[in-house]
Amino acid sequence: MTAAWREHRLTGPGGAGIDVHELDSGAPGPAVVILGGVHGNEVGGILAAARLTRLPLPLRAGRLRVVPVTHEAAYEADTRVGPGDGLNLARVFPGRAGGSATERLAHLVTEELLRTADVLVDLHTSSPDTDMPLFAGCLDDGSDAADRAVRLALAFGAPVVWTHGALGPGRTLTVAQELGIPAIYAESPVGGVLDERYLDAYVSGVRRVLADLAMLPDETSPGATVPVWVHGDGDVDMFSQVAVGGMFHAEVALMDRVEAGQLVGTVVDTRAQVLEHVHAAASGHVVTLRRAAHVHPGTPVAGIAAARPAQLGLPSDALVPSGALR
């Protein structure tokens, strides 16, 4: 008999709160936390997480806890950051019980969910103004938890896997790293828009992760394609920026293979005069690309990530599928 979902609300200091949907198999197994809406304007992750809670999942083992809207105030304001304090929830974990509203929320999620989890899946999307490919990402630093995370990222089944040798501060994955639990995150294009292709990919990807954890029956897709595997810094704020304001016109597409110095776009003014040529700072794949035309000095417009080397000296070397390093 399939267990029923149960919904309850967690509240913390200062009124911080989240709605949690829980499915318990009643059998021993991993405690998996799935977050959506850490950024309030990334609606794809929110709806995909919510759809999971409406499925009669035949959970064989463990417990599943899903939070479709992690940052409720940011969702209501349709913003990436907390409307009251201007803080990015994905940069303030583990938070502070006596901090601002966003810091208190991070503290609540950390203490009530992450510290009791065995696995974390964090569903993001690209921002409305910048596209990213559909991918699953995770830490890959040689630790046992990271090795298990790489396996789950591959199980997710996205066409791109993006691994990182280190993580920036304040992220859910950084807390997971400190707790020693495997954690993955997902991204997809057309942020701010509900696209069935990516909603389906997220739901199917989570189900495959749960199947890999022996919590669901096998979800392997027949004829699944080999992902492209890139490795490097996952902080899109650190990628190339324009020097002048105007309108950015891309000359490449997401996941195009480019060489260092290759033209990736131009900045033009309202008379179509070219103000700046933007070139690739390194060789690799285009993993972030400015979608909104209007740019200001310092706006990031294109990010390049290198294909993963065949040998990093990490346990994950043995997991690289043939054809993934291209």
C-alpha atoms as a PDB file:
ATOM      1  CA  MET A   1       0.000   0.000   0.000  1.00  0.00           C
ATOM      2  CA  THR A   2       1.378   3.436  -0.990  1.00  0.00           C
ATOM      3  CA  ALA A   3       1.919   5.783   1.959  1.00  0.00           C
ATOM      4  CA  ALA A   4       0.068   9.106   2.000  1.00  0.00           C
ATOM      5  CA  TRP A   5       1.710  12.507   1.982  1.00  0.00           C
ATOM      6  CA  ARG A   6       1.444  14.545   5.170  1.00  0.00           C
ATOM      7  CA  GLU A   7       1.808  18.322   5.263  1.00  0.00           C
ATOM      8  CA  HIS A   8       2.911  20.368   8.259  1.00  0.00           C
ATOM      9  CA  ARG A   9       4.464  23.755   8.934  1.00  0.00           C
ATOM     10  CA  LEU A  10       7.788  24.389  10.605  1.00  0.00           C
ATOM     11  CA  THR A  11       8.273  27.735  12.320  1.00  0.00           C
ATOM     12  CA  GLY A  12      11.337  29.283  13.859  1.00  0.00           C
ATOM     13  CA  PRO A  13      12.466  32.419  15.693  1.00  0.00           C
ATOM     14  CA  GLY A  14      10.866  35.645  14.554  1.00  0.00           C
ATOM     15  CA  GLY A  15       8.121  33.918  12.589  1.00  0.00           C
ATOM     16  CA  ALA A  16      10.261  32.266   9.916  1.00  0.00           C
ATOM     17  CA  GLY A  17       8.293  29.367   8.460  1.00  0.00           C
ATOM     18  CA  ILE A  18       8.104  26.743   5.720  1.00  0.00           C
ATOM     19  CA  ASP A  19       5.496  24.213   4.634  1.00  0.00           C
ATOM     20  CA  VAL A  20       6.917  20.682   4.557  1.00  0.00           C
ATOM     21  CA  HIS A  21       5.346  17.764   2.681  1.00  0.00           C
ATOM     22  CA  GLU A  22       6.459  14.447   4.112  1.00  0.00           C
ATOM     23  CA  LEU A  23       6.210  10.897   2.807  1.00  0.00           C
ATOM     24  CA  ASP A  24       7.383   8.128   5.135  1.00  0.00           C
ATOM     25  CA  SER A  25       7.718   4.560   3.902  1.00  0.00           C
ATOM     26  CA  GLY A  26       7.781   3.206   7.441  1.00  0.00           C
ATOM     27  CA  ALA A  27      10.878   1.196   6.527  1.00  0.00           C
ATOM     28  CA  PRO A  28      14.517   2.009   7.296  1.00  0.00           C
ATOM     29  CA  GLY A  29      16.292   4.030   4.654  1.00  0.00           C
ATOM     30  CA  PRO A  30      17.661   7.464   3.746  1.00  0.00           C
ATOM     31  CA  ALA A  31      16.044  10.725   4.834  1.00  0.00           C
ATOM     32  CA  VAL A  32      15.938  12.826   1.658  1.00  0.00           C
ATOM     33  CA  VAL A  33      15.218  16.566   1.628  1.00  0.00           C
ATOM     34  CA  ILE A  34      14.108  18.283  -1.582  1.00  0.00           C
ATOM     35  CA  LEU A  35      14.025  22.073  -1.690  1.00  0.00           C
ATOM     36  CA  GLY A  36      12.393  24.339  -4.246  1.00  0.00           C
ATOM     37  CA  GLY A  37      12.116  28.101  -4.235  1.00  0.00           C
ATOM     38  CA  VAL A  38      15.300  28.981  -2.379  1.00  0.00           C
ATOM     39  CA  HIS A  39      15.177  31.856  -4.858  1.00  0.00           C
ATOM     40  CA  GLY A  40      11.629  33.151  -5.030  1.00  0.00           C
ATOM     41  CA  ASN A  41      11.629  33.941  -8.748  1.00  0.00           C
ATOM     42  CA  GLU A  42      12.804  30.463  -9.838  1.00  0.00           C
ATOM     43  CA  VAL A  43       9.325  29.064 -10.314  1.00  0.00           C
ATOM     44  CA  GLY A  44      10.290  25.900 -12.190  1.00  0.00           C
ATOM     45  CA  GLY A  45      11.870  24.327  -9.131  1.00  0.00           C
ATOM     46  CA  ILE A  46       8.872  25.333  -7.034  1.00  0.00           C
ATOM     47  CA  LEU A  47       6.290  23.700  -9.279  1.00  0.00           C
ATOM     48  CA  ALA A  48       8.395  20.592  -9.914  1.00  0.00           C
ATOM     49  CA  ALA A  49       8.767  20.066  -6.159  1.00  0.00           C
ATOM     50  CA  ALA A  50       5.042  20.644  -5.680  1.00  0.00           C
ATOM     51  CA  ARG A  51       4.209  18.109  -8.385  1.00  0.00           C
ATOM     52  CA  LEU A  52       6.238  15.500  -6.546  1.00  0.00           C
ATOM     53  CA  THR A  53       3.988  15.942  -3.508  1.00  0.00           C
ATOM     54  CA  ARG A  54       0.939  15.126  -5.620  1.00  0.00           C
ATOM     55  CA  LEU A  55       2.319  11.807  -6.859  1.00  0.00           C
ATOM     56  CA  PRO A  56       1.466   8.498  -5.155  1.00  0.00           C
ATOM     57  CA  LEU A  57       5.124   7.510  -4.955  1.00  0.00           C
ATOM     58  CA  PRO A  58       5.579   3.823  -4.053  1.00  0.00           C
ATOM     59  CA  LEU A  59       8.271   4.581  -1.498  1.00  0.00           C
ATOM     60  CA  ARG A  60      10.022   1.354  -0.498  1.00  0.00           C
ATOM     61  CA  ALA A  61      12.362   2.707   2.153  1.00  0.00           C
ATOM     62  CA  GLY A  62      13.253   5.873   4.016  1.00  0.00           C
ATOM     63  CA  ARG A  63      11.536   9.202   4.281  1.00  0.00           C
ATOM     64  CA  LEU A  64      11.058  12.061   1.830  1.00  0.00           C
ATOM     65  CA  ARG A  65      10.568  15.682   2.884  1.00  0.00           C
ATOM     66  CA  VAL A  66       9.757  18.277   0.226  1.00  0.00           C
ATOM     67  CA  VAL A  67       9.594  22.061   0.598  1.00  0.00           C
ATOM     68  CA  PRO A  68       8.228  23.541  -2.652  1.00  0.00           C
ATOM     69  CA  VAL A  69       8.624  27.193  -1.550  1.00  0.00           C
ATOM     70  CA  THR A  70      11.591  27.616   0.760  1.00  0.00           C
ATOM     71  CA  HIS A  71      11.714  31.421   0.661  1.00  0.00           C
ATOM     72  CA  GLU A  72       8.047  32.404   0.815  1.00  0.00           C
ATOM     73  CA  ALA A  73       8.608  36.164   1.113  1.00  0.00           C
ATOM     74  CA  ALA A  74      10.861  36.169  -1.960  1.00  0.00           C
ATOM     75  CA  TYR A  75       8.284  34.164  -3.896  1.00  0.00           C
ATOM     76  CA  GLU A  76       5.514  36.612  -3.002  1.00  0.00           C
ATOM     77  CA  ALA A  77       7.736  39.487  -4.136  1.00  0.00           C
ATOM     78  CA  ASP A  78       8.936  37.561  -7.226  1.00  0.00           C
ATOM     79  CA  THR A  79      12.556  38.265  -6.322  1.00  0.00           C
ATOM     80  CA  ARG A  80      15.811  36.375  -5.921  1.00  0.00           C
ATOM     81  CA  VAL A  81      16.465  37.948  -2.514  1.00  0.00           C
ATOM     82  CA  GLY A  82      14.544  38.606   0.668  1.00  0.00           C
ATOM     83  CA  PRO A  83      12.376  41.710   0.161  1.00  0.00           C
ATOM     84  CA  GLY A  84      12.922  42.897   3.713  1.00  0.00           C
ATOM     85  CA  ASP A  85      16.686  42.581   4.104  1.00  0.00           C
ATOM     86  CA  GLY A  86      17.891  42.185   0.511  1.00  0.00           C
ATOM     87  CA  LEU A  87      19.800  38.987   1.376  1.00  0.00           C
ATOM     88  CA  ASN A  88      20.208  36.011  -0.929  1.00  0.00           C
ATOM     89  CA  LEU A  89      19.053  32.918   0.980  1.00  0.00           C
ATOM     90  CA  ALA A  90      21.479  30.782  -1.041  1.00  0.00           C
ATOM     91  CA  ARG A  91      24.413  32.760   0.360  1.00  0.00           C
ATOM     92  CA  VAL A  92      23.600  32.940   4.085  1.00  0.00           C
ATOM     93  CA  PHE A  93      23.407  29.301   5.232  1.00  0.00           C
ATOM     94  CA  PRO A  94      23.569  28.069   7.965  1.00  0.00           C
ATOM     95  CA  GLY A  95      21.942  31.321   9.046  1.00  0.00           C
ATOM     96  CA  ARG A  96      21.481  32.813  12.503  1.00  0.00           C
ATOM     97  CA  ALA A  97      18.626  32.401  14.960  1.00  0.00           C
ATOM     98  CA  GLY A  98      18.919  36.083  15.926  1.00  0.00           C
ATOM     99  CA  GLY A  99      19.663  37.436  12.459  1.00  0.00           C
ATOM    100  CA  SER A 100      17.572  39.115   9.797  1.00  0.00           C
ATOM    101  CA  ALA A 101      14.494  37.449   8.277  1.00  0.00           C
ATOM    102  CA  THR A 102      16.491  35.616   5.603  1.00  0.00           C
ATOM    103  CA  GLU A 103      19.162  34.524   8.080  1.00  0.00           C
ATOM    104  CA  ARG A 104      16.491  33.198  10.456  1.00  0.00           C
ATOM    105  CA  LEU A 105      14.949  31.245   7.598  1.00  0.00           C
ATOM    106  CA  ALA A 106      18.328  29.715   6.713  1.00  0.00           C
ATOM    107  CA  HIS A 107      18.778  28.761  10.366  1.00  0.00           C
ATOM    108  CA  LEU A 108      15.367  27.070  10.441  1.00  0.00           C
ATOM    109  CA  VAL A 109      16.046  25.052   7.269  1.00  0.00           C
ATOM    110  CA  THR A 110      19.494  24.062   8.527  1.00  0.00           C
ATOM    111  CA  GLU A 111      18.435  22.964  11.985  1.00  0.00           C
ATOM    112  CA  GLU A 112      15.096  21.336  11.177  1.00  0.00           C
ATOM    113  CA  LEU A 113      15.824  19.766   7.788  1.00  0.00           C
ATOM    114  CA  LEU A 114      19.465  19.642   6.735  1.00  0.00           C
ATOM    115  CA  ARG A 115      20.888  18.394  10.035  1.00  0.00           C
ATOM    116  CA  THR A 116      18.536  15.423   9.991  1.00  0.00           C
ATOM    117  CA  ALA A 117      18.950  14.636   6.271  1.00  0.00           C
ATOM    118  CA  ASP A 118      20.995  11.916   4.603  1.00  0.00           C
ATOM    119  CA  VAL A 119      20.662  13.397   1.091  1.00  0.00           C
ATOM    120  CA  LEU A 120      19.796  16.861  -0.242  1.00  0.00           C
ATOM    121  CA  VAL A 121      18.356  17.801  -3.645  1.00  0.00           C
ATOM    122  CA  ASP A 122      18.063  21.563  -4.255  1.00  0.00           C
ATOM    123  CA  LEU A 123      15.956  22.507  -7.306  1.00  0.00           C
ATOM    124  CA  HIS A 124      16.922  25.844  -8.832  1.00  0.00           C
ATOM    125  CA  THR A 125      16.530  27.343 -12.307  1.00  0.00           C
ATOM    126  CA  SER A 126      18.405  30.010 -14.166  1.00  0.00           C
ATOM    127  CA  SER A 127      17.481  33.598 -13.366  1.00  0.00           C
ATOM    128  CA  PRO A 128      14.903  35.247 -15.645  1.00  0.00           C
ATOM    129  CA  ASP A 129      17.658  37.328 -17.273  1.00  0.00           C
ATOM    130  CA  THR A 130      20.315  34.619 -17.758  1.00  0.00           C
ATOM    131  CA  ASP A 131      20.039  31.096 -19.138  1.00  0.00           C
ATOM    132  CA  MET A 132      21.829  27.968 -17.999  1.00  0.00           C
ATOM    133  CA  PRO A 133      21.538  24.478 -19.529  1.00  0.00           C
ATOM    134  CA  LEU A 134      19.562  21.730 -17.882  1.00  0.00           C
ATOM    135  CA  PHE A 135      22.111  20.167 -15.566  1.00  0.00           C
ATOM    136  CA  ALA A 136      22.710  18.470 -12.254  1.00  0.00           C
ATOM    137  CA  GLY A 137      25.616  19.805 -10.227  1.00  0.00           C
ATOM    138  CA  CYS A 138      27.474  18.865  -7.075  1.00  0.00           C
ATOM    139  CA  LEU A 139      30.708  19.074  -5.143  1.00  0.00           C
ATOM    140  CA  ASP A 140      33.478  16.727  -6.266  1.00  0.00           C
ATOM    141  CA  ASP A 141      36.423  17.108  -3.903  1.00  0.00           C
ATOM    142  CA  GLY A 142      37.311  13.476  -3.219  1.00  0.00           C
ATOM    143  CA  SER A 143      35.310  13.155  -0.007  1.00  0.00           C
ATOM    144  CA  ASP A 144      33.000  10.195   0.469  1.00  0.00           C
ATOM    145  CA  ALA A 145      29.896  12.398   0.493  1.00  0.00           C
ATOM    146  CA  ALA A 146      30.982  14.139  -2.710  1.00  0.00           C
ATOM    147  CA  ASP A 147      31.663  10.812  -4.419  1.00  0.00           C
ATOM    148  CA  ARG A 148      28.137   9.703  -3.558  1.00  0.00           C
ATOM    149  CA  ALA A 149      26.791  13.066  -4.766  1.00  0.00           C
ATOM    150  CA  VAL A 150      28.461  12.600  -8.165  1.00  0.00           C
ATOM    151  CA  ARG A 151      26.711   9.243  -8.496  1.00  0.00           C
ATOM    152  CA  LEU A 152      23.373  10.897  -7.727  1.00  0.00           C
ATOM    153  CA  ALA A 153      24.041  13.752 -10.156  1.00  0.00           C
ATOM    154  CA  LEU A 154      24.638  11.179 -12.893  1.00  0.00           C
ATOM    155  CA  ALA A 155      21.524   9.272 -11.836  1.00  0.00           C
ATOM    156  CA  PHE A 156      19.451  12.464 -12.182  1.00  0.00           C
ATOM    157  CA  GLY A 157      19.804  12.009 -15.934  1.00  0.00           C
ATOM    158  CA  ALA A 158      20.296  15.604 -17.101  1.00  0.00           C
ATOM    159  CA  PRO A 159      22.162  16.180 -20.389  1.00  0.00           C
ATOM    160  CA  VAL A 160      24.901  18.067 -18.505  1.00  0.00           C
ATOM    161  CA  VAL A 161      26.713  17.308 -15.240  1.00  0.00           C
ATOM    162  CA  TRP A 162      28.665  20.153 -13.628  1.00  0.00           C
ATOM    163  CA  THR A 163      30.987  19.263 -10.768  1.00  0.00           C
ATOM    164  CA  HIS A 164      32.893  21.681  -8.551  1.00  0.00           C
ATOM    165  CA  GLY A 165      36.169  21.212  -6.736  1.00  0.00           C
ATOM    166  CA  ALA A 166      35.063  23.671  -4.044  1.00  0.00           C
ATOM    167  CA  LEU A 167      31.918  25.518  -2.981  1.00  0.00           C
ATOM    168  CA  GLY A 168      31.371  29.126  -2.055  1.00  0.00           C
ATOM    169  CA  PRO A 169      30.138  30.065   1.426  1.00  0.00           C
ATOM    170  CA  GLY A 170      26.519  30.232   2.462  1.00  0.00           C
ATOM    171  CA  ARG A 171      24.980  27.591   0.213  1.00  0.00           C
ATOM    172  CA  THR A 172      22.774  24.650   1.068  1.00  0.00           C
ATOM    173  CA  LEU A 173      25.415  22.415  -0.510  1.00  0.00           C
ATOM    174  CA  THR A 174      28.081  23.989   1.689  1.00  0.00           C
ATOM    175  CA  VAL A 175      26.113  23.038   4.801  1.00  0.00           C
ATOM    176  CA  ALA A 176      25.687  19.549   3.377  1.00  0.00           C
ATOM    177  CA  GLN A 177      29.456  19.376   2.839  1.00  0.00           C
ATOM    178  CA  GLU A 178      30.064  20.341   6.459  1.00  0.00           C
ATOM    179  CA  LEU A 179      27.544  17.728   7.608  1.00  0.00           C
ATOM    180  CA  GLY A 180      29.108  15.064   5.400  1.00  0.00           C
ATOM    181  CA  ILE A 181      25.973  14.286   3.380  1.00  0.00           C
ATOM    182  CA  PRO A 182      25.707  14.022  -0.420  1.00  0.00           C
ATOM    183  CA  ALA A 183      23.911  16.932  -2.061  1.00  0.00           C
ATOM    184  CA  ILE A 184      23.056  17.837  -5.634  1.00  0.00           C
ATOM    185  CA  TYR A 185      21.333  20.763  -7.262  1.00  0.00           C
ATOM    186  CA  ALA A 186      19.592  21.244 -10.596  1.00  0.00           C
ATOM    187  CA  GLU A 187      19.380  24.203 -12.962  1.00  0.00           C
ATOM    188  CA  SER A 188      17.540  24.762 -16.245  1.00  0.00           C
ATOM    189  CA  PRO A 189      16.938  27.515 -18.824  1.00  0.00           C
ATOM    190  CA  VAL A 190      14.084  30.024 -19.130  1.00  0.00           C
ATOM    191  CA  GLY A 191      14.002  31.028 -15.482  1.00  0.00           C
ATOM    192  CA  GLY A 192      10.731  32.617 -14.419  1.00  0.00           C
ATOM    193  CA  VAL A 193       8.804  30.639 -17.043  1.00  0.00           C
ATOM    194  CA  LEU A 194       6.994  27.333 -16.531  1.00  0.00           C
ATOM    195  CA  ASP A 195       8.219  25.014 -19.271  1.00  0.00           C
ATOM    196  CA  GLU A 196       6.846  21.456 -19.304  1.00  0.00           C
ATOM    197  CA  ARG A 197      10.103  20.035 -20.675  1.00  0.00           C
ATOM    198  CA  TYR A 198      12.047  21.088 -17.619  1.00  0.00           C
ATOM    199  CA  LEU A 199       9.290  20.431 -15.102  1.00  0.00           C
ATOM    200  CA  ASP A 200       9.092  16.863 -16.389  1.00  0.00           C
ATOM    201  CA  ALA A 201      12.894  16.578 -16.347  1.00  0.00           C
ATOM    202  CA  TYR A 202      13.038  17.673 -12.698  1.00  0.00           C
ATOM    203  CA  VAL A 203      10.309  15.282 -11.559  1.00  0.00           C
ATOM    204  CA  SER A 204      11.825  12.398 -13.515  1.00  0.00           C
ATOM    205  CA  GLY A 205      15.311  13.303 -12.290  1.00  0.00           C
ATOM    206  CA  VAL A 206      14.279  13.240  -8.634  1.00  0.00           C
ATOM    207  CA  ARG A 207      12.547   9.914  -9.151  1.00  0.00           C
ATOM    208  CA  ARG A 208      15.728   8.485 -10.668  1.00  0.00           C
ATOM    209  CA  VAL A 209      17.730   9.752  -7.702  1.00  0.00           C
ATOM    210  CA  LEU A 210      15.296   8.071  -5.316  1.00  0.00           C
ATOM    211  CA  ALA A 211      15.521   4.877  -7.358  1.00  0.00           C
ATOM    212  CA  ASP A 212      19.316   5.025  -7.162  1.00  0.00           C
ATOM    213  CA  LEU A 213      18.938   5.228  -3.385  1.00  0.00           C
ATOM    214  CA  ALA A 214      16.723   2.091  -3.514  1.00  0.00           C
ATOM    215  CA  MET A 215      13.761   4.139  -2.291  1.00  0.00           C
ATOM    216  CA  LEU A 216      11.730   3.681  -5.505  1.00  0.00           C
ATOM    217  CA  PRO A 217      11.619   0.988  -8.194  1.00  0.00           C
ATOM    218  CA  ASP A 218      14.119   1.349 -11.033  1.00  0.00           C
ATOM    219  CA  GLU A 219      13.533   4.541 -13.053  1.00  0.00           C
ATOM    220  CA  THR A 220      16.255   4.046 -15.683  1.00  0.00           C
ATOM    221  CA  SER A 221      15.366   5.648 -18.990  1.00  0.00           C
ATOM    222  CA  PRO A 222      15.988   3.389 -21.993  1.00  0.00           C
ATOM    223  CA  GLY A 223      18.391   4.912 -24.485  1.00  0.00           C
ATOM    224  CA  ALA A 224      19.475   7.710 -22.131  1.00  0.00           C
ATOM    225  CA  THR A 225      22.100   9.986 -23.667  1.00  0.00           C
ATOM    226  CA  VAL A 226      25.598  10.363 -22.250  1.00  0.00           C
ATOM    227  CA  PRO A 227      25.830  13.709 -20.428  1.00  0.00           C
ATOM    228  CA  VAL A 228      28.421  16.364 -21.147  1.00  0.00           C
ATOM    229  CA  TRP A 229      30.552  16.642 -18.005  1.00  0.00           C
ATOM    230  CA  VAL A 230      32.099  19.999 -17.129  1.00  0.00           C
ATOM    231  CA  HIS A 231      34.119  20.804 -14.039  1.00  0.00           C
ATOM    232  CA  GLY A 232      34.949  24.103 -12.405  1.00  0.00           C
ATOM    233  CA  ASP A 233      33.691  27.085 -10.455  1.00  0.00           C
ATOM    234  CA  GLY A 234      29.913  27.071 -10.206  1.00  0.00           C
ATOM    235  CA  ASP A 235      29.560  30.673  -9.026  1.00  0.00           C
ATOM    236  CA  VAL A 236      28.041  32.500 -11.992  1.00  0.00           C
ATOM    237  CA  ASP A 237      28.801  35.829 -10.319  1.00  0.00           C
ATOM    238  CA  MET A 238      32.483  35.209 -11.086  1.00  0.00           C
ATOM    239  CA  PHE A 239      32.165  34.895 -14.865  1.00  0.00           C
ATOM    240  CA  SER A 240      32.968  37.461 -17.578  1.00  0.00           C
ATOM    241  CA  GLN A 241      31.368  40.885 -17.442  1.00  0.00           C
ATOM    242  CA  VAL A 242      30.823  43.689 -19.913  1.00  0.00           C
ATOM    243  CA  ALA A 243      32.720  46.946 -19.512  1.00  0.00           C
ATOM    244  CA  VAL A 244      30.059  49.237 -20.979  1.00  0.00           C
ATOM    245  CA  GLY A 245      26.303  49.618 -20.830  1.00  0.00           C
ATOM    246  CA  GLY A 246      24.007  48.944 -23.767  1.00  0.00           C
ATOM    247  CA  MET A 247      22.353  45.875 -25.276  1.00  0.00           C
ATOM    248  CA  PHE A 248      24.071  42.488 -25.332  1.00  0.00           C
ATOM    249  CA  HIS A 249      23.760  40.407 -28.482  1.00  0.00           C
ATOM    250  CA  ALA A 250      24.978  36.820 -28.094  1.00  0.00           C
ATOM    251  CA  GLU A 251      26.988  35.227 -30.884  1.00  0.00           C
ATOM    252  CA  VAL A 252      26.974  31.753 -29.311  1.00  0.00           C
ATOM    253  CA  ALA A 253      24.429  29.383 -27.789  1.00  0.00           C
ATOM    254  CA  LEU A 254      24.296  27.513 -24.505  1.00  0.00           C
ATOM    255  CA  MET A 255      26.751  24.598 -24.346  1.00  0.00           C
ATOM    256  CA  ASP A 256      28.566  25.682 -27.515  1.00  0.00           C
ATOM    257  CA  ARG A 257      32.225  24.688 -27.404  1.00  0.00           C
ATOM    258  CA  VAL A 258      34.368  27.831 -27.636  1.00  0.00           C
ATOM    259  CA  GLU A 259      38.070  28.585 -27.594  1.00  0.00           C
ATOM    260  CA  ALA A 260      39.781  31.256 -25.496  1.00  0.00           C
ATOM    261  CA  GLY A 261      39.535  34.603 -27.275  1.00  0.00           C
ATOM    262  CA  GLN A 262      36.587  33.580 -29.435  1.00  0.00           C
ATOM    263  CA  LEU A 263      33.836  36.166 -29.893  1.00  0.00           C
ATOM    264  CA  VAL A 264      30.837  35.308 -27.720  1.00  0.00           C
ATOM    265  CA  GLY A 265      28.826  38.499 -28.134  1.00  0.00           C
ATOM    266  CA  THR A 266      28.730  42.229 -28.662  1.00  0.00           C
ATOM    267  CA  VAL A 267      27.347  45.207 -26.789  1.00  0.00           C
ATOM    268  CA  VAL A 268      25.524  47.678 -29.030  1.00  0.00           C
ATOM    269  CA  ASP A 269      23.780  50.985 -28.482  1.00  0.00           C
ATOM    270  CA  THR A 270      20.334  52.099 -29.654  1.00  0.00           C
ATOM    271  CA  ARG A 271      21.820  53.049 -33.059  1.00  0.00           C
ATOM    272  CA  ALA A 272      23.173  49.512 -33.538  1.00  0.00           C
ATOM    273  CA  GLN A 273      26.716  50.770 -33.106  1.00  0.00           C
ATOM    274  CA  VAL A 274      29.041  48.198 -31.584  1.00  0.00           C
ATOM    275  CA  LEU A 275      30.399  49.458 -28.276  1.00  0.00           C
ATOM    276  CA  GLU A 276      32.254  46.341 -27.139  1.00  0.00           C
ATOM    277  CA  HIS A 277      33.255  42.901 -28.391  1.00  0.00           C
ATOM    278  CA  VAL A 278      33.044  40.236 -25.682  1.00  0.00           C
ATOM    279  CA  HIS A 279      35.426  37.305 -25.980  1.00  0.00           C
ATOM    280  CA  ALA A 280      35.697  33.972 -24.215  1.00  0.00           C
ATOM    281  CA  ALA A 281      38.170  34.213 -21.358  1.00  0.00           C
ATOM    282  CA  ALA A 282      38.929  30.486 -21.558  1.00  0.00           C
ATOM    283  CA  SER A 283      38.244  27.403 -23.633  1.00  0.00           C
ATOM    284  CA  GLY A 284      35.276  25.239 -22.733  1.00  0.00           C
ATOM    285  CA  HIS A 285      31.492  25.121 -22.932  1.00  0.00           C
ATOM    286  CA  VAL A 286      29.145  28.107 -22.616  1.00  0.00           C
ATOM    287  CA  VAL A 287      27.303  27.343 -19.373  1.00  0.00           C
ATOM    288  CA  THR A 288      25.728  30.734 -18.651  1.00  0.00           C
ATOM    289  CA  LEU A 289      24.466  33.177 -21.239  1.00  0.00           C
ATOM    290  CA  ARG A 290      22.793  36.515 -20.765  1.00  0.00           C
ATOM    291  CA  ARG A 291      19.182  36.345 -21.943  1.00  0.00           C
ATOM    292  CA  ALA A 292      18.000  39.900 -21.262  1.00  0.00           C
ATOM    293  CA  ALA A 293      19.492  42.375 -23.726  1.00  0.00           C
ATOM    294  CA  HIS A 294      19.871  45.437 -21.485  1.00  0.00           C
ATOM    295  CA  VAL A 295      23.224  45.427 -19.645  1.00  0.00           C
ATOM    296  CA  HIS A 296      25.174  47.792 -17.425  1.00  0.00           C
ATOM    297  CA  PRO A 297      28.923  47.951 -16.811  1.00  0.00           C
ATOM    298  CA  GLY A 298      29.862  44.890 -14.801  1.00  0.00           C
ATOM    299  CA  THR A 299      26.917  42.723 -15.938  1.00  0.00           C
ATOM    300  CA  PRO A 300      27.957  39.047 -16.338  1.00  0.00           C
ATOM    301  CA  VAL A 301      27.023  37.909 -19.851  1.00  0.00           C
ATOM    302  CA  ALA A 302      28.772  34.608 -20.608  1.00  0.00           C
ATOM    303  CA  GLY A 303      30.326  31.937 -18.437  1.00  0.00           C
ATOM    304  CA  ILE A 304      32.648  29.230 -19.687  1.00  0.00           C
ATOM    305  CA  ALA A 305      33.319  25.918 -17.946  1.00  0.00           C
ATOM    306  CA  ALA A 306      35.966  23.487 -19.132  1.00  0.00           C
ATOM    307  CA  ALA A 307      35.254  19.875 -19.920  1.00  0.00           C
ATOM    308  CA  ARG A 308      36.183  17.659 -17.000  1.00  0.00           C
ATOM    309  CA  PRO A 309      39.698  16.225 -17.366  1.00  0.00           C
ATOM    310  CA  ALA A 310      39.721  12.444 -17.682  1.00  0.00           C
ATOM    311  CA  GLN A 311      41.869  12.227 -14.568  1.00  0.00           C
ATOM    312  CA  LEU A 312      41.399  14.517 -11.573  1.00  0.00           C
ATOM    313  CA  GLY A 313      42.879  12.052  -9.131  1.00  0.00           C
ATOM    314  CA  LEU A 314      39.436  11.633  -7.534  1.00  0.00           C
ATOM    315  CA  PRO A 315      37.236   8.555  -7.004  1.00  0.00           C
ATOM    316  CA  SER A 316      34.816  10.041  -9.556  1.00  0.00           C
ATOM    317  CA  ASP A 317      37.381   9.370 -12.302  1.00  0.00           C
ATOM    318  CA  ALA A 318      35.958   5.858 -12.454  1.00  0.00           C
ATOM    319  CA  LEU A 319      32.407   7.197 -12.985  1.00  0.00           C
ATOM    320  CA  VAL A 320      33.026   9.187 -16.165  1.00  0.00           C
ATOM    321  CA  PRO A 321      30.902   7.702 -18.982  1.00  0.00           C
ATOM    322  CA  SER A 322      32.594   7.228 -22.332  1.00  0.00           C
ATOM    323  CA  GLY A 323      32.010  10.332 -24.446  1.00  0.00           C
ATOM    324  CA  ALA A 324      31.158  12.652 -21.528  1.00  0.00           C
ATOM    325  CA  LEU A 325      34.403  14.683 -21.770  1.00  0.00           C
ATOM    326  CA  ARG A 326      33.906  16.696 -24.917  1.00  0.00           C
END
